[in-house]
Amino acid sequence: MKVAEPSVRAGSPRSSSDLELISAGDRRQPIPSLFFPQDWSWTLAKKMDREYVWLQCTETGDLNYRTQIRVKGGIDEKVKEGFKKFCPRLRKHTLHKIKRK
């Protein structure tokens, strides 16, 4: 019995020109090459200008959220002022400010 090949659109990322075959034991699986960029330097530069910070509730002092901010070129004034986020202890939205550990 012959199995029909799945149809692939010409412009889709899963076209035959964008796929590489890698061997996994005795099976061969198609892996899209767009998931493996040749130049990783842009990802490293992007990661270096970001920093993890905690968002601390101004009313309870709880550290409720952890997020990334961009520190390259200084921190934006809107970010320094804080965010209105949900505080689970008070069960309402309160002002949360940045706290670096």
Protein backbone atom coordinates (compact mmCIF):
# COMPACT_ATOMS: atom_id res chain seq x y z
CA MET A 1 0.00 0.00 0.00
CA LYS A 2 1.42 3.37 -1.01
CA VAL A 3 1.24 6.27 1.47
CA ALA A 4 0.54 9.72 0.01
CA GLU A 5 3.04 12.47 0.85
CA PRO A 6 1.52 15.45 2.70
CA SER A 7 1.07 18.48 0.47
CA VAL A 8 3.24 21.48 1.34
CA ARG A 9 2.60 25.04 0.19
CA ALA A 10 5.45 26.60 -1.75
CA GLY A 11 5.90 29.63 0.52
CA SER A 12 5.52 27.84 3.84
CA PRO A 13 8.52 27.33 6.15
CA ARG A 14 8.07 23.60 5.86
CA SER A 15 8.88 23.44 2.15
CA SER A 16 11.47 20.90 1.13
CA SER A 17 14.18 23.53 0.56
CA ASP A 18 13.93 24.72 4.19
CA LEU A 19 14.13 21.27 5.77
CA GLU A 20 17.20 19.38 6.82
CA LEU A 21 17.18 15.68 7.53
CA ILE A 22 18.93 14.49 10.64
CA SER A 23 19.29 10.90 11.63
CA ALA A 24 17.82 9.76 14.92
CA GLY A 25 18.85 6.15 15.26
CA ASP A 26 17.38 4.34 12.30
CA ARG A 27 14.70 7.03 11.71
CA ARG A 28 15.19 10.27 9.82
CA GLN A 29 13.20 13.30 10.93
CA PRO A 30 12.79 16.61 9.10
CA ILE A 31 13.91 19.64 11.12
CA PRO A 32 13.26 23.16 9.81
CA SER A 33 16.57 24.99 9.38
CA LEU A 34 15.00 28.29 10.37
CA PHE A 35 15.03 27.11 14.01
CA PHE A 36 18.83 26.81 13.91
CA PRO A 37 20.22 30.20 12.86
CA GLN A 38 23.80 30.23 11.66
CA ASP A 39 24.74 33.42 13.52
CA TRP A 40 23.91 33.43 17.25
CA SER A 41 25.62 36.76 18.02
CA TRP A 42 22.39 38.75 17.72
CA THR A 43 20.72 36.61 20.42
CA LEU A 44 23.60 37.11 22.85
CA ALA A 45 23.64 40.88 22.33
CA LYS A 46 19.90 41.03 22.88
CA LYS A 47 20.14 39.08 26.16
CA MET A 48 22.95 41.23 27.56
CA ASP A 49 20.99 44.50 27.50
CA ARG A 50 18.12 43.03 29.57
CA GLU A 51 17.96 42.42 33.32
CA TYR A 52 15.60 40.45 35.56
CA VAL A 53 13.92 42.53 38.27
CA TRP A 54 11.22 41.93 40.86
CA LEU A 55 8.04 44.00 41.05
CA GLN A 56 7.27 44.78 44.69
CA CYS A 57 3.83 45.83 45.90
CA THR A 58 3.99 49.28 47.50
CA GLU A 59 1.22 48.49 50.00
CA THR A 60 2.15 45.00 51.26
CA GLY A 61 5.84 44.76 50.31
CA ASP A 62 5.33 41.39 48.61
CA LEU A 63 7.48 40.49 45.60
CA ASN A 64 4.67 39.30 43.35
CA TYR A 65 6.15 39.42 39.85
CA ARG A 66 9.51 38.86 38.17
CA THR A 67 10.08 40.42 34.77
CA GLN A 68 12.77 41.60 32.37
CA ILE A 69 13.53 45.24 31.69
CA ARG A 70 15.81 46.82 29.14
CA VAL A 71 18.72 48.57 30.87
CA LYS A 72 20.73 49.59 27.80
CA GLY A 73 20.55 53.37 27.47
CA GLY A 74 19.01 53.80 30.91
CA ILE A 75 15.70 52.69 32.37
CA ASP A 76 12.60 54.38 30.97
CA GLU A 77 10.79 56.83 33.28
CA LYS A 78 7.48 54.95 32.91
CA VAL A 79 9.17 51.80 34.18
CA LYS A 80 10.73 53.65 37.13
CA GLU A 81 7.32 55.00 38.19
CA GLY A 82 5.95 51.47 38.50
CA PHE A 83 3.11 49.33 37.17
CA LYS A 84 -0.46 48.75 38.28
CA LYS A 85 -0.49 44.99 38.86
CA PHE A 86 -2.77 42.62 40.77
CA CYS A 87 -1.79 41.93 44.40
CA PRO A 88 -3.11 38.51 45.49
CA ARG A 89 -2.97 39.34 49.20
CA LEU A 90 -5.14 42.46 48.88
CA ARG A 91 -7.10 41.06 45.92
CA LYS A 92 -6.94 44.34 44.03
CA HIS A 93 -4.68 46.22 41.62
CA THR A 94 -1.96 48.21 43.35
CA LEU A 95 1.20 50.04 42.33
CA HIS A 96 4.23 47.75 41.97
CA LYS A 97 7.75 49.23 41.79
CA ILE A 98 11.03 47.75 40.62
CA LYS A 99 13.24 46.01 43.19
CA ARG A 100 16.61 44.63 42.16
CA LYS A 101 17.98 41.76 44.19
